[in-house]
Amino acid sequence: MRPDTLPLTSSASKSSFPNLTNYQAMKTILTTLLSAALSGAAFAQVPSLINYQGRLTDATGEPVTGSKTFAISIYDAATGGTLLYTESIGAVTLDSNGVYSFQFGNAGTSNTQVTETIGTANGTLTTFQKVLANSPVVAGTVSVTDGTYTWTQSAGSSNEDDFGVAYSNSLRRVTANYYAGAPTSGKTITATYRYGTSGISGALSSGAEHWMAVSVDSVVQGTRQRVLAVPFALQAEVSKQLAPEFKFGNYDSRQPNTTYQAEQSGFVIASYPGGGSSSSVRQVLVGDDPNNLVGITPTNAGNSMSGVQHCVPVSKGRFWHAQGFTEVKFVAISQ
């Protein structure tokens, strides 16, 4: 089995569609769903897209075939929450068993969060104004604070008698007004908002959690699935955005089931391509004491046919151990 065609292990809830009702989308386990299970050759060319595979059946369990239109959305919560990313996949062909696959992460739009300074109080000014630097600004996401007062587009001011904000959608202009006198000298007024950027890296750098929803013919399938792992290339892209002065080294091979001390800060990339009858526990452990390492990634075990890849940052001097994998790489980071 090719490592990029990962089998399914669990089912999702039912939805309704025209002509065929109560489709049922089968979803992968999380580490399989959003990990690229790479072969040895794949390390030479790390993928910039995320592979997704699933199976679609009707209410009787029969596979759905033909072509369906897919889309994905990523949020920062299992329900509700803030929309971080959207991508229209388009038409996808299902085989005779209802199995489909596609890649995503490049053609969508991230709602990236940023904070900008509107102004710093000098003890005299009562009005502060700024045009937000990025566009397009996502509707309803602008908030303003000075540490004492807050204002959001949805809830308004925390104290309408003393503090108010006007925001112009067309001009992207934020105006903060103090009605009860100038704020204390040195107080900083900031605006936080989200704006649209191409690709998924902006979404991965926003939000403490990431939950993915899959839609088929405009109907969301089942519950959202938490994103626990992504290909190393996308983690590297996020890192470069946050710290562009850093450089990534070669993909140096390391032995599985062996404890190492990191000579430089970097990433451990541990892969298991799937297949076979192995029931080994697979996880990456890290710590300051080689005899007392702590599991960092989710534990994968059992006779699973699913491939997995774990990617874990390790700082210089710390010990790490990749347990139960068939291939391990270390990528050093340097300035």
C-alpha atoms as a PDB file:
ATOM      1  CA  MET A   1       0.000   0.000   0.000  1.00  0.00           C
ATOM      2  CA  ARG A   2       1.344   3.415  -0.886  1.00  0.00           C
ATOM      3  CA  PRO A   3       1.987   5.569   2.192  1.00  0.00           C
ATOM      4  CA  ASP A   4      -0.128   8.414   0.817  1.00  0.00           C
ATOM      5  CA  THR A   5      -3.234   6.222   0.492  1.00  0.00           C
ATOM      6  CA  LEU A   6      -4.165   5.689   4.106  1.00  0.00           C
ATOM      7  CA  PRO A   7      -7.046   3.389   5.140  1.00  0.00           C
ATOM      8  CA  LEU A   8      -9.932   4.345   7.369  1.00  0.00           C
ATOM      9  CA  THR A   9     -10.575   3.221  10.908  1.00  0.00           C
ATOM     10  CA  SER A  10     -13.716   4.907  12.258  1.00  0.00           C
ATOM     11  CA  SER A  11     -17.102   6.218  11.122  1.00  0.00           C
ATOM     12  CA  ALA A  12     -18.817   9.606  11.309  1.00  0.00           C
ATOM     13  CA  SER A  13     -22.446  10.641  11.638  1.00  0.00           C
ATOM     14  CA  LYS A  14     -25.116  10.788   8.910  1.00  0.00           C
ATOM     15  CA  SER A  15     -26.307  13.688   6.759  1.00  0.00           C
ATOM     16  CA  SER A  16     -28.909  14.157   4.000  1.00  0.00           C
ATOM     17  CA  PHE A  17     -28.282  14.748   0.296  1.00  0.00           C
ATOM     18  CA  PRO A  18     -30.492  14.952  -2.828  1.00  0.00           C
ATOM     19  CA  ASN A  19     -31.311  11.642  -4.540  1.00  0.00           C
ATOM     20  CA  LEU A  20     -29.307   9.598  -2.007  1.00  0.00           C
ATOM     21  CA  THR A  21     -30.167  10.288   1.619  1.00  0.00           C
ATOM     22  CA  ASN A  22     -28.210   9.793   4.825  1.00  0.00           C
ATOM     23  CA  TYR A  23     -24.723   9.646   3.430  1.00  0.00           C
ATOM     24  CA  GLN A  24     -22.231   8.504   5.992  1.00  0.00           C
ATOM     25  CA  ALA A  25     -18.662   9.822   5.851  1.00  0.00           C
ATOM     26  CA  MET A  26     -15.973   7.563   7.225  1.00  0.00           C
ATOM     27  CA  LYS A  27     -13.137   9.520   8.824  1.00  0.00           C
ATOM     28  CA  THR A  28      -9.565   8.577   9.550  1.00  0.00           C
ATOM     29  CA  ILE A  29      -7.965   8.529  12.959  1.00  0.00           C
ATOM     30  CA  LEU A  30      -6.504  11.930  13.654  1.00  0.00           C
ATOM     31  CA  THR A  31      -2.819  11.210  13.268  1.00  0.00           C
ATOM     32  CA  THR A  32      -3.561   9.526   9.943  1.00  0.00           C
ATOM     33  CA  LEU A  33      -6.003  12.129   8.691  1.00  0.00           C
ATOM     34  CA  LEU A  34      -3.641  15.082   8.771  1.00  0.00           C
ATOM     35  CA  SER A  35      -0.209  13.493   8.575  1.00  0.00           C
ATOM     36  CA  ALA A  36       1.807  12.655   5.505  1.00  0.00           C
ATOM     37  CA  ALA A  37       3.035   9.100   6.081  1.00  0.00           C
ATOM     38  CA  LEU A  38       6.244   9.344   4.116  1.00  0.00           C
ATOM     39  CA  SER A  39       8.488   6.692   2.635  1.00  0.00           C
ATOM     40  CA  GLY A  40      12.255   7.095   2.727  1.00  0.00           C
ATOM     41  CA  ALA A  41      12.300   8.754  -0.697  1.00  0.00           C
ATOM     42  CA  ALA A  42       9.645  11.211   0.338  1.00  0.00           C
ATOM     43  CA  PHE A  43      11.987  12.899   2.812  1.00  0.00           C
ATOM     44  CA  ALA A  44      14.007  14.247  -0.106  1.00  0.00           C
ATOM     45  CA  GLN A  45      10.974  16.184  -1.278  1.00  0.00           C
ATOM     46  CA  VAL A  46       8.819  17.096   1.718  1.00  0.00           C
ATOM     47  CA  PRO A  47       5.166  17.665   0.684  1.00  0.00           C
ATOM     48  CA  SER A  48       3.643  21.117   0.991  1.00  0.00           C
ATOM     49  CA  LEU A  49       0.087  19.746   0.893  1.00  0.00           C
ATOM     50  CA  ILE A  50      -1.895  17.617   3.343  1.00  0.00           C
ATOM     51  CA  ASN A  51      -3.319  14.292   2.174  1.00  0.00           C
ATOM     52  CA  TYR A  52      -6.894  13.382   3.134  1.00  0.00           C
ATOM     53  CA  GLN A  53      -8.664  10.084   2.448  1.00  0.00           C
ATOM     54  CA  GLY A  54     -12.134   8.893   3.390  1.00  0.00           C
ATOM     55  CA  ARG A  55     -14.985   6.618   2.447  1.00  0.00           C
ATOM     56  CA  LEU A  56     -18.589   7.615   1.751  1.00  0.00           C
ATOM     57  CA  THR A  57     -21.531   5.232   2.222  1.00  0.00           C
ATOM     58  CA  ASP A  58     -25.291   5.583   2.177  1.00  0.00           C
ATOM     59  CA  ALA A  59     -27.711   4.766   5.011  1.00  0.00           C
ATOM     60  CA  THR A  60     -27.564   1.032   4.253  1.00  0.00           C
ATOM     61  CA  GLY A  61     -23.775   0.948   4.276  1.00  0.00           C
ATOM     62  CA  GLU A  62     -23.450   0.720   0.511  1.00  0.00           C
ATOM     63  CA  PRO A  63     -20.583   2.719  -1.030  1.00  0.00           C
ATOM     64  CA  VAL A  64     -21.423   5.952  -2.826  1.00  0.00           C
ATOM     65  CA  THR A  65     -19.714   6.263  -6.197  1.00  0.00           C
ATOM     66  CA  GLY A  66     -19.351   8.887  -8.898  1.00  0.00           C
ATOM     67  CA  SER A  67     -18.284  12.512  -8.435  1.00  0.00           C
ATOM     68  CA  LYS A  68     -19.025  14.724  -5.426  1.00  0.00           C
ATOM     69  CA  THR A  69     -18.021  18.280  -4.566  1.00  0.00           C
ATOM     70  CA  PHE A  70     -15.846  18.581  -1.457  1.00  0.00           C
ATOM     71  CA  ALA A  71     -14.794  21.513   0.747  1.00  0.00           C
ATOM     72  CA  ILE A  72     -13.017  21.796   4.093  1.00  0.00           C
ATOM     73  CA  SER A  73     -13.089  24.308   6.948  1.00  0.00           C
ATOM     74  CA  ILE A  74     -10.826  24.582  10.009  1.00  0.00           C
ATOM     75  CA  TYR A  75     -11.922  26.174  13.302  1.00  0.00           C
ATOM     76  CA  ASP A  76     -10.285  26.825  16.672  1.00  0.00           C
ATOM     77  CA  ALA A  77     -12.903  24.793  18.572  1.00  0.00           C
ATOM     78  CA  ALA A  78     -14.769  21.487  18.289  1.00  0.00           C
ATOM     79  CA  THR A  79     -18.069  23.380  18.032  1.00  0.00           C
ATOM     80  CA  GLY A  80     -18.694  27.043  17.316  1.00  0.00           C
ATOM     81  CA  GLY A  81     -15.425  28.914  17.566  1.00  0.00           C
ATOM     82  CA  THR A  82     -13.618  31.073  15.013  1.00  0.00           C
ATOM     83  CA  LEU A  83     -13.218  30.080  11.375  1.00  0.00           C
ATOM     84  CA  LEU A  84      -9.469  29.848  10.628  1.00  0.00           C
ATOM     85  CA  TYR A  85      -9.336  28.347   7.141  1.00  0.00           C
ATOM     86  CA  THR A  86     -11.543  27.441   4.174  1.00  0.00           C
ATOM     87  CA  GLU A  87     -10.785  25.651   0.928  1.00  0.00           C
ATOM     88  CA  SER A  88     -13.018  24.477  -1.899  1.00  0.00           C
ATOM     89  CA  ILE A  89     -11.613  21.179  -3.112  1.00  0.00           C
ATOM     90  CA  GLY A  90     -13.999  20.848  -6.047  1.00  0.00           C
ATOM     91  CA  ALA A  91     -15.132  17.664  -7.744  1.00  0.00           C
ATOM     92  CA  VAL A  92     -13.664  14.431  -6.373  1.00  0.00           C
ATOM     93  CA  THR A  93     -14.284  10.990  -7.868  1.00  0.00           C
ATOM     94  CA  LEU A  94     -15.234   8.136  -5.515  1.00  0.00           C
ATOM     95  CA  ASP A  95     -14.195   4.611  -6.531  1.00  0.00           C
ATOM     96  CA  SER A  96     -16.379   1.507  -6.507  1.00  0.00           C
ATOM     97  CA  ASN A  97     -15.877   1.137  -2.741  1.00  0.00           C
ATOM     98  CA  GLY A  98     -16.787   4.745  -2.006  1.00  0.00           C
ATOM     99  CA  VAL A  99     -13.167   5.645  -1.245  1.00  0.00           C
ATOM    100  CA  TYR A 100     -11.948   9.113  -2.166  1.00  0.00           C
ATOM    101  CA  SER A 101      -8.828  11.161  -1.562  1.00  0.00           C
ATOM    102  CA  PHE A 102      -7.638  14.706  -2.108  1.00  0.00           C
ATOM    103  CA  GLN A 103      -4.942  17.139  -1.028  1.00  0.00           C
ATOM    104  CA  PHE A 104      -5.415  20.543   0.568  1.00  0.00           C
ATOM    105  CA  GLY A 105      -3.500  23.385   2.168  1.00  0.00           C
ATOM    106  CA  ASN A 106      -2.429  25.522  -0.771  1.00  0.00           C
ATOM    107  CA  ALA A 107      -5.510  26.864  -2.552  1.00  0.00           C
ATOM    108  CA  GLY A 108      -7.567  28.047   0.427  1.00  0.00           C
ATOM    109  CA  THR A 109      -7.701  31.162   2.597  1.00  0.00           C
ATOM    110  CA  SER A 110      -6.499  31.539   6.193  1.00  0.00           C
ATOM    111  CA  ASN A 111      -8.042  34.028   8.586  1.00  0.00           C
ATOM    112  CA  THR A 112      -4.752  35.089  10.160  1.00  0.00           C
ATOM    113  CA  GLN A 113      -4.752  36.972  13.479  1.00  0.00           C
ATOM    114  CA  VAL A 114      -2.544  40.013  14.040  1.00  0.00           C
ATOM    115  CA  THR A 115      -2.250  42.766  16.668  1.00  0.00           C
ATOM    116  CA  GLU A 116      -1.256  46.359  15.827  1.00  0.00           C
ATOM    117  CA  THR A 117      -0.598  49.409  17.990  1.00  0.00           C
ATOM    118  CA  ILE A 118      -3.119  52.207  17.461  1.00  0.00           C
ATOM    119  CA  GLY A 119      -1.222  54.639  19.638  1.00  0.00           C
ATOM    120  CA  THR A 120       0.589  55.322  22.915  1.00  0.00           C
ATOM    121  CA  ALA A 121      -0.910  57.795  25.383  1.00  0.00           C
ATOM    122  CA  ASN A 122       1.011  60.956  26.305  1.00  0.00           C
ATOM    123  CA  GLY A 123      -1.361  62.093  29.046  1.00  0.00           C
ATOM    124  CA  THR A 124      -3.042  64.685  26.824  1.00  0.00           C
ATOM    125  CA  LEU A 125      -4.585  63.027  23.728  1.00  0.00           C
ATOM    126  CA  THR A 126      -8.065  61.553  24.049  1.00  0.00           C
ATOM    127  CA  THR A 127      -8.447  60.276  20.464  1.00  0.00           C
ATOM    128  CA  PHE A 128      -6.243  57.682  18.747  1.00  0.00           C
ATOM    129  CA  GLN A 129      -6.642  56.601  15.136  1.00  0.00           C
ATOM    130  CA  LYS A 130      -5.034  54.088  12.787  1.00  0.00           C
ATOM    131  CA  VAL A 131      -5.701  52.445   9.424  1.00  0.00           C
ATOM    132  CA  LEU A 132      -5.178  48.709   9.798  1.00  0.00           C
ATOM    133  CA  ALA A 133      -2.206  47.512   7.782  1.00  0.00           C
ATOM    134  CA  ASN A 134      -3.627  44.285   6.347  1.00  0.00           C
ATOM    135  CA  SER A 135      -6.567  43.470   4.113  1.00  0.00           C
ATOM    136  CA  PRO A 136      -9.062  42.036   3.604  1.00  0.00           C
ATOM    137  CA  VAL A 137     -10.150  42.317   7.237  1.00  0.00           C
ATOM    138  CA  VAL A 138     -12.453  39.455   8.268  1.00  0.00           C
ATOM    139  CA  ALA A 139     -15.868  40.833   9.223  1.00  0.00           C
ATOM    140  CA  GLY A 140     -16.602  41.012  12.943  1.00  0.00           C
ATOM    141  CA  THR A 141     -13.071  40.230  14.148  1.00  0.00           C
ATOM    142  CA  VAL A 142     -11.783  43.689  15.157  1.00  0.00           C
ATOM    143  CA  SER A 143     -11.220  44.290  18.885  1.00  0.00           C
ATOM    144  CA  VAL A 144      -9.458  47.123  20.741  1.00  0.00           C
ATOM    145  CA  THR A 145      -7.968  47.248  24.239  1.00  0.00           C
ATOM    146  CA  ASP A 146      -5.691  49.359  26.415  1.00  0.00           C
ATOM    147  CA  GLY A 147      -5.487  46.868  29.275  1.00  0.00           C
ATOM    148  CA  THR A 148      -8.268  48.648  31.179  1.00  0.00           C
ATOM    149  CA  TYR A 149     -11.038  49.043  28.620  1.00  0.00           C
ATOM    150  CA  THR A 150     -11.978  46.700  25.799  1.00  0.00           C
ATOM    151  CA  TRP A 151     -14.141  47.005  22.701  1.00  0.00           C
ATOM    152  CA  THR A 152     -15.247  44.368  20.210  1.00  0.00           C
ATOM    153  CA  GLN A 153     -17.408  44.578  17.118  1.00  0.00           C
ATOM    154  CA  SER A 154     -19.820  42.052  18.561  1.00  0.00           C
ATOM    155  CA  ALA A 155     -20.154  43.328  22.165  1.00  0.00           C
ATOM    156  CA  GLY A 156     -19.166  46.989  21.959  1.00  0.00           C
ATOM    157  CA  SER A 157     -17.372  48.805  24.799  1.00  0.00           C
ATOM    158  CA  SER A 158     -16.715  47.451  28.275  1.00  0.00           C
ATOM    159  CA  ASN A 159     -17.522  50.961  29.582  1.00  0.00           C
ATOM    160  CA  GLU A 160     -19.542  53.084  27.157  1.00  0.00           C
ATOM    161  CA  ASP A 161     -19.386  56.157  29.407  1.00  0.00           C
ATOM    162  CA  ASP A 162     -15.576  56.318  29.360  1.00  0.00           C
ATOM    163  CA  PHE A 163     -14.385  54.539  26.214  1.00  0.00           C
ATOM    164  CA  GLY A 164     -15.650  53.967  22.680  1.00  0.00           C
ATOM    165  CA  VAL A 165     -14.374  52.829  19.296  1.00  0.00           C
ATOM    166  CA  ALA A 166     -15.519  53.564  15.753  1.00  0.00           C
ATOM    167  CA  TYR A 167     -14.435  51.226  12.961  1.00  0.00           C
ATOM    168  CA  SER A 168     -14.823  51.954   9.229  1.00  0.00           C
ATOM    169  CA  ASN A 169     -15.067  48.764   7.165  1.00  0.00           C
ATOM    170  CA  SER A 170     -14.387  50.525   3.865  1.00  0.00           C
ATOM    171  CA  LEU A 171     -11.333  52.439   5.142  1.00  0.00           C
ATOM    172  CA  ARG A 172     -10.088  49.814   7.658  1.00  0.00           C
ATOM    173  CA  ARG A 173      -9.799  52.742  10.066  1.00  0.00           C
ATOM    174  CA  VAL A 174      -9.994  52.344  13.855  1.00  0.00           C
ATOM    175  CA  THR A 175     -10.730  55.386  16.039  1.00  0.00           C
ATOM    176  CA  ALA A 176     -10.533  55.032  19.838  1.00  0.00           C
ATOM    177  CA  ASN A 177     -12.070  57.800  21.984  1.00  0.00           C
ATOM    178  CA  TYR A 178     -11.717  58.498  25.715  1.00  0.00           C
ATOM    179  CA  TYR A 179     -14.691  60.439  27.095  1.00  0.00           C
ATOM    180  CA  ALA A 180     -13.613  60.836  30.744  1.00  0.00           C
ATOM    181  CA  GLY A 181     -10.185  62.342  30.156  1.00  0.00           C
ATOM    182  CA  ALA A 182      -6.879  61.296  28.623  1.00  0.00           C
ATOM    183  CA  PRO A 183      -5.488  57.860  29.501  1.00  0.00           C
ATOM    184  CA  THR A 184      -2.347  57.594  31.630  1.00  0.00           C
ATOM    185  CA  SER A 185       0.863  58.494  29.810  1.00  0.00           C
ATOM    186  CA  GLY A 186       2.587  55.419  28.403  1.00  0.00           C
ATOM    187  CA  LYS A 187      -0.579  53.310  28.074  1.00  0.00           C
ATOM    188  CA  THR A 188      -0.671  51.458  24.751  1.00  0.00           C
ATOM    189  CA  ILE A 189      -3.877  51.042  22.748  1.00  0.00           C
ATOM    190  CA  THR A 190      -3.897  48.034  20.420  1.00  0.00           C
ATOM    191  CA  ALA A 191      -6.221  46.539  17.812  1.00  0.00           C
ATOM    192  CA  THR A 192      -6.447  42.788  17.155  1.00  0.00           C
ATOM    193  CA  TYR A 193      -8.138  41.408  14.040  1.00  0.00           C
ATOM    194  CA  ARG A 194      -8.060  38.692  11.414  1.00  0.00           C
ATOM    195  CA  TYR A 195      -7.369  39.123   7.712  1.00  0.00           C
ATOM    196  CA  GLY A 196      -7.361  36.786   4.729  1.00  0.00           C
ATOM    197  CA  THR A 197      -4.095  35.252   3.507  1.00  0.00           C
ATOM    198  CA  SER A 198      -3.401  32.540   0.934  1.00  0.00           C
ATOM    199  CA  GLY A 199      -2.600  29.011   2.056  1.00  0.00           C
ATOM    200  CA  ILE A 200      -3.019  27.177   5.345  1.00  0.00           C
ATOM    201  CA  SER A 201       0.127  28.320   7.198  1.00  0.00           C
ATOM    202  CA  GLY A 202      -1.616  31.427   8.571  1.00  0.00           C
ATOM    203  CA  ALA A 203      -4.353  29.271  10.088  1.00  0.00           C
ATOM    204  CA  LEU A 204      -1.834  26.929  11.703  1.00  0.00           C
ATOM    205  CA  SER A 205      -0.158  29.892  13.396  1.00  0.00           C
ATOM    206  CA  SER A 206      -3.534  31.148  14.690  1.00  0.00           C
ATOM    207  CA  GLY A 207      -5.585  29.481  17.404  1.00  0.00           C
ATOM    208  CA  ALA A 208      -4.521  27.153  20.197  1.00  0.00           C
ATOM    209  CA  GLU A 209      -6.471  24.262  18.649  1.00  0.00           C
ATOM    210  CA  HIS A 210      -7.465  23.338  15.099  1.00  0.00           C
ATOM    211  CA  TRP A 211     -10.626  21.377  14.233  1.00  0.00           C
ATOM    212  CA  MET A 212     -11.508  20.352  10.682  1.00  0.00           C
ATOM    213  CA  ALA A 213     -14.937  19.933   9.084  1.00  0.00           C
ATOM    214  CA  VAL A 214     -15.471  18.211   5.715  1.00  0.00           C
ATOM    215  CA  SER A 215     -18.414  19.100   3.462  1.00  0.00           C
ATOM    216  CA  VAL A 216     -19.765  16.957   0.625  1.00  0.00           C
ATOM    217  CA  ASP A 217     -22.143  18.683  -1.797  1.00  0.00           C
ATOM    218  CA  SER A 218     -22.380  21.598   0.681  1.00  0.00           C
ATOM    219  CA  VAL A 219     -23.418  19.401   3.624  1.00  0.00           C
ATOM    220  CA  VAL A 220     -21.045  19.067   6.610  1.00  0.00           C
ATOM    221  CA  GLN A 221     -20.178  15.434   7.383  1.00  0.00           C
ATOM    222  CA  GLY A 222     -20.275  14.312  11.014  1.00  0.00           C
ATOM    223  CA  THR A 223     -18.426  16.141  13.769  1.00  0.00           C
ATOM    224  CA  ARG A 224     -15.242  18.156  13.432  1.00  0.00           C
ATOM    225  CA  GLN A 225     -11.959  16.272  13.679  1.00  0.00           C
ATOM    226  CA  ARG A 226      -9.066  17.704  15.655  1.00  0.00           C
ATOM    227  CA  VAL A 227      -5.855  18.414  13.759  1.00  0.00           C
ATOM    228  CA  LEU A 228      -3.082  16.887  15.859  1.00  0.00           C
ATOM    229  CA  ALA A 229      -0.299  16.560  13.291  1.00  0.00           C
ATOM    230  CA  VAL A 230       0.618  18.113   9.958  1.00  0.00           C
ATOM    231  CA  PRO A 231       3.448  17.555   7.472  1.00  0.00           C
ATOM    232  CA  PHE A 232       6.798  18.975   8.513  1.00  0.00           C
ATOM    233  CA  ALA A 233       6.903  21.317   5.516  1.00  0.00           C
ATOM    234  CA  LEU A 234       3.880  23.220   6.811  1.00  0.00           C
ATOM    235  CA  GLN A 235       5.279  23.435  10.343  1.00  0.00           C
ATOM    236  CA  ALA A 236       8.508  24.758   8.824  1.00  0.00           C
ATOM    237  CA  GLU A 237       6.564  27.353   6.840  1.00  0.00           C
ATOM    238  CA  VAL A 238       4.833  28.592   9.994  1.00  0.00           C
ATOM    239  CA  SER A 239       8.185  28.733  11.780  1.00  0.00           C
ATOM    240  CA  LYS A 240       9.712  30.755   8.964  1.00  0.00           C
ATOM    241  CA  GLN A 241       6.885  33.255   9.163  1.00  0.00           C
ATOM    242  CA  LEU A 242       7.328  33.647  12.913  1.00  0.00           C
ATOM    243  CA  ALA A 243      11.134  33.712  12.800  1.00  0.00           C
ATOM    244  CA  PRO A 244      12.384  34.218   9.224  1.00  0.00           C
ATOM    245  CA  GLU A 245      16.005  34.601  10.350  1.00  0.00           C
ATOM    246  CA  PHE A 246      16.241  30.866  11.129  1.00  0.00           C
ATOM    247  CA  LYS A 247      17.436  28.296   8.584  1.00  0.00           C
ATOM    248  CA  PHE A 248      16.639  24.585   8.407  1.00  0.00           C
ATOM    249  CA  GLY A 249      19.375  21.987   7.911  1.00  0.00           C
ATOM    250  CA  ASN A 250      19.459  18.603   6.189  1.00  0.00           C
ATOM    251  CA  TYR A 251      17.221  15.625   6.911  1.00  0.00           C
ATOM    252  CA  ASP A 252      19.737  13.604   8.929  1.00  0.00           C
ATOM    253  CA  SER A 253      18.833   9.971   9.551  1.00  0.00           C
ATOM    254  CA  ARG A 254      18.602   8.663  13.115  1.00  0.00           C
ATOM    255  CA  GLN A 255      17.927   5.176  14.495  1.00  0.00           C
ATOM    256  CA  PRO A 256      14.436   4.398  15.843  1.00  0.00           C
ATOM    257  CA  ASN A 257      14.182   3.263  19.471  1.00  0.00           C
ATOM    258  CA  THR A 258      17.421   5.076  20.349  1.00  0.00           C
ATOM    259  CA  THR A 259      17.908   7.969  22.780  1.00  0.00           C
ATOM    260  CA  TYR A 260      19.739  11.036  21.434  1.00  0.00           C
ATOM    261  CA  GLN A 261      20.824  14.365  22.858  1.00  0.00           C
ATOM    262  CA  ALA A 262      20.162  17.257  20.485  1.00  0.00           C
ATOM    263  CA  GLU A 263      23.403  19.025  19.564  1.00  0.00           C
ATOM    264  CA  GLN A 264      21.293  21.780  17.998  1.00  0.00           C
ATOM    265  CA  SER A 265      17.676  22.799  18.288  1.00  0.00           C
ATOM    266  CA  GLY A 266      15.539  21.231  15.590  1.00  0.00           C
ATOM    267  CA  PHE A 267      12.697  18.913  14.630  1.00  0.00           C
ATOM    268  CA  VAL A 268      12.353  15.166  15.078  1.00  0.00           C
ATOM    269  CA  ILE A 269      10.354  13.616  12.216  1.00  0.00           C
ATOM    270  CA  ALA A 270       9.355  10.020  12.936  1.00  0.00           C
ATOM    271  CA  SER A 271       7.431   7.954  10.372  1.00  0.00           C
ATOM    272  CA  TYR A 272       5.667   4.628  10.202  1.00  0.00           C
ATOM    273  CA  PRO A 273       4.316   3.844   6.699  1.00  0.00           C
ATOM    274  CA  GLY A 274       1.583   1.444   7.815  1.00  0.00           C
ATOM    275  CA  GLY A 275       0.887  -2.147   6.900  1.00  0.00           C
ATOM    276  CA  GLY A 276       2.327  -5.281   8.395  1.00  0.00           C
ATOM    277  CA  SER A 277       1.384  -6.749  11.736  1.00  0.00           C
ATOM    278  CA  SER A 278       3.413  -4.540  14.050  1.00  0.00           C
ATOM    279  CA  SER A 279       1.689  -3.719  17.343  1.00  0.00           C
ATOM    280  CA  SER A 280       4.467  -1.459  18.664  1.00  0.00           C
ATOM    281  CA  VAL A 281       3.643   1.670  20.597  1.00  0.00           C
ATOM    282  CA  ARG A 282       4.634   4.686  18.498  1.00  0.00           C
ATOM    283  CA  GLN A 283       5.400   8.025  20.133  1.00  0.00           C
ATOM    284  CA  VAL A 284       8.156  10.628  20.491  1.00  0.00           C
ATOM    285  CA  LEU A 285       9.491  11.235  24.012  1.00  0.00           C
ATOM    286  CA  VAL A 286      11.497  14.277  25.157  1.00  0.00           C
ATOM    287  CA  GLY A 287      13.120  15.375  28.420  1.00  0.00           C
ATOM    288  CA  ASP A 288      16.121  16.768  30.283  1.00  0.00           C
ATOM    289  CA  ASP A 289      16.903  13.375  31.856  1.00  0.00           C
ATOM    290  CA  PRO A 290      17.534  10.473  29.421  1.00  0.00           C
ATOM    291  CA  ASN A 291      16.153   8.077  32.006  1.00  0.00           C
ATOM    292  CA  ASN A 292      12.929  10.018  32.541  1.00  0.00           C
ATOM    293  CA  LEU A 293      11.588  11.050  29.149  1.00  0.00           C
ATOM    294  CA  VAL A 294       7.992  12.201  28.665  1.00  0.00           C
ATOM    295  CA  GLY A 295       5.743  11.294  25.742  1.00  0.00           C
ATOM    296  CA  ILE A 296       5.049  14.443  23.702  1.00  0.00           C
ATOM    297  CA  THR A 297       2.948  13.081  20.832  1.00  0.00           C
ATOM    298  CA  PRO A 298      -0.233  10.963  20.978  1.00  0.00           C
ATOM    299  CA  THR A 299       0.425   7.248  21.492  1.00  0.00           C
ATOM    300  CA  ASN A 300      -0.345   5.079  18.444  1.00  0.00           C
ATOM    301  CA  ALA A 301      -0.573   1.325  18.992  1.00  0.00           C
ATOM    302  CA  GLY A 302      -2.272  -1.792  17.726  1.00  0.00           C
ATOM    303  CA  ASN A 303      -2.137  -3.731  14.480  1.00  0.00           C
ATOM    304  CA  SER A 304      -3.054  -0.686  12.422  1.00  0.00           C
ATOM    305  CA  MET A 305      -2.620  -0.540   8.672  1.00  0.00           C
ATOM    306  CA  SER A 306      -2.574   3.254   8.942  1.00  0.00           C
ATOM    307  CA  GLY A 307       0.617   5.200   8.395  1.00  0.00           C
ATOM    308  CA  VAL A 308       1.555   7.967  10.810  1.00  0.00           C
ATOM    309  CA  GLN A 309       4.102  10.738  11.055  1.00  0.00           C
ATOM    310  CA  HIS A 310       5.014  12.652  14.214  1.00  0.00           C
ATOM    311  CA  CYS A 311       6.899  15.948  14.076  1.00  0.00           C
ATOM    312  CA  VAL A 312       8.279  17.305  17.372  1.00  0.00           C
ATOM    313  CA  PRO A 313      10.502  20.340  18.084  1.00  0.00           C
ATOM    314  CA  VAL A 314      13.454  19.677  20.410  1.00  0.00           C
ATOM    315  CA  SER A 315      15.690  22.374  21.899  1.00  0.00           C
ATOM    316  CA  LYS A 316      19.478  22.094  22.060  1.00  0.00           C
ATOM    317  CA  GLY A 317      20.767  19.882  24.878  1.00  0.00           C
ATOM    318  CA  ARG A 318      17.510  18.006  25.498  1.00  0.00           C
ATOM    319  CA  PHE A 319      17.178  14.246  25.072  1.00  0.00           C
ATOM    320  CA  TRP A 320      14.684  12.591  22.722  1.00  0.00           C
ATOM    321  CA  HIS A 321      13.608   9.082  21.740  1.00  0.00           C
ATOM    322  CA  ALA A 322      11.418   8.007  18.777  1.00  0.00           C
ATOM    323  CA  GLN A 323       9.768   4.748  19.817  1.00  0.00           C
ATOM    324  CA  GLY A 324       8.189   2.199  17.467  1.00  0.00           C
ATOM    325  CA  PHE A 325       8.815   3.988  14.141  1.00  0.00           C
ATOM    326  CA  THR A 326      10.541   2.611  11.063  1.00  0.00           C
ATOM    327  CA  GLU A 327      12.230   5.827   9.943  1.00  0.00           C
ATOM    328  CA  VAL A 328      13.468   8.822  11.909  1.00  0.00           C
ATOM    329  CA  LYS A 329      14.956  12.122  10.683  1.00  0.00           C
ATOM    330  CA  PHE A 330      16.351  15.121  12.565  1.00  0.00           C
ATOM    331  CA  VAL A 331      16.315  18.601  10.996  1.00  0.00           C
ATOM    332  CA  ALA A 332      18.555  21.110  12.766  1.00  0.00           C
ATOM    333  CA  ILE A 333      17.684  24.811  13.031  1.00  0.00           C
ATOM    334  CA  SER A 334      20.363  27.486  12.784  1.00  0.00           C
ATOM    335  CA  GLN A 335      20.481  31.259  12.489  1.00  0.00           C
END
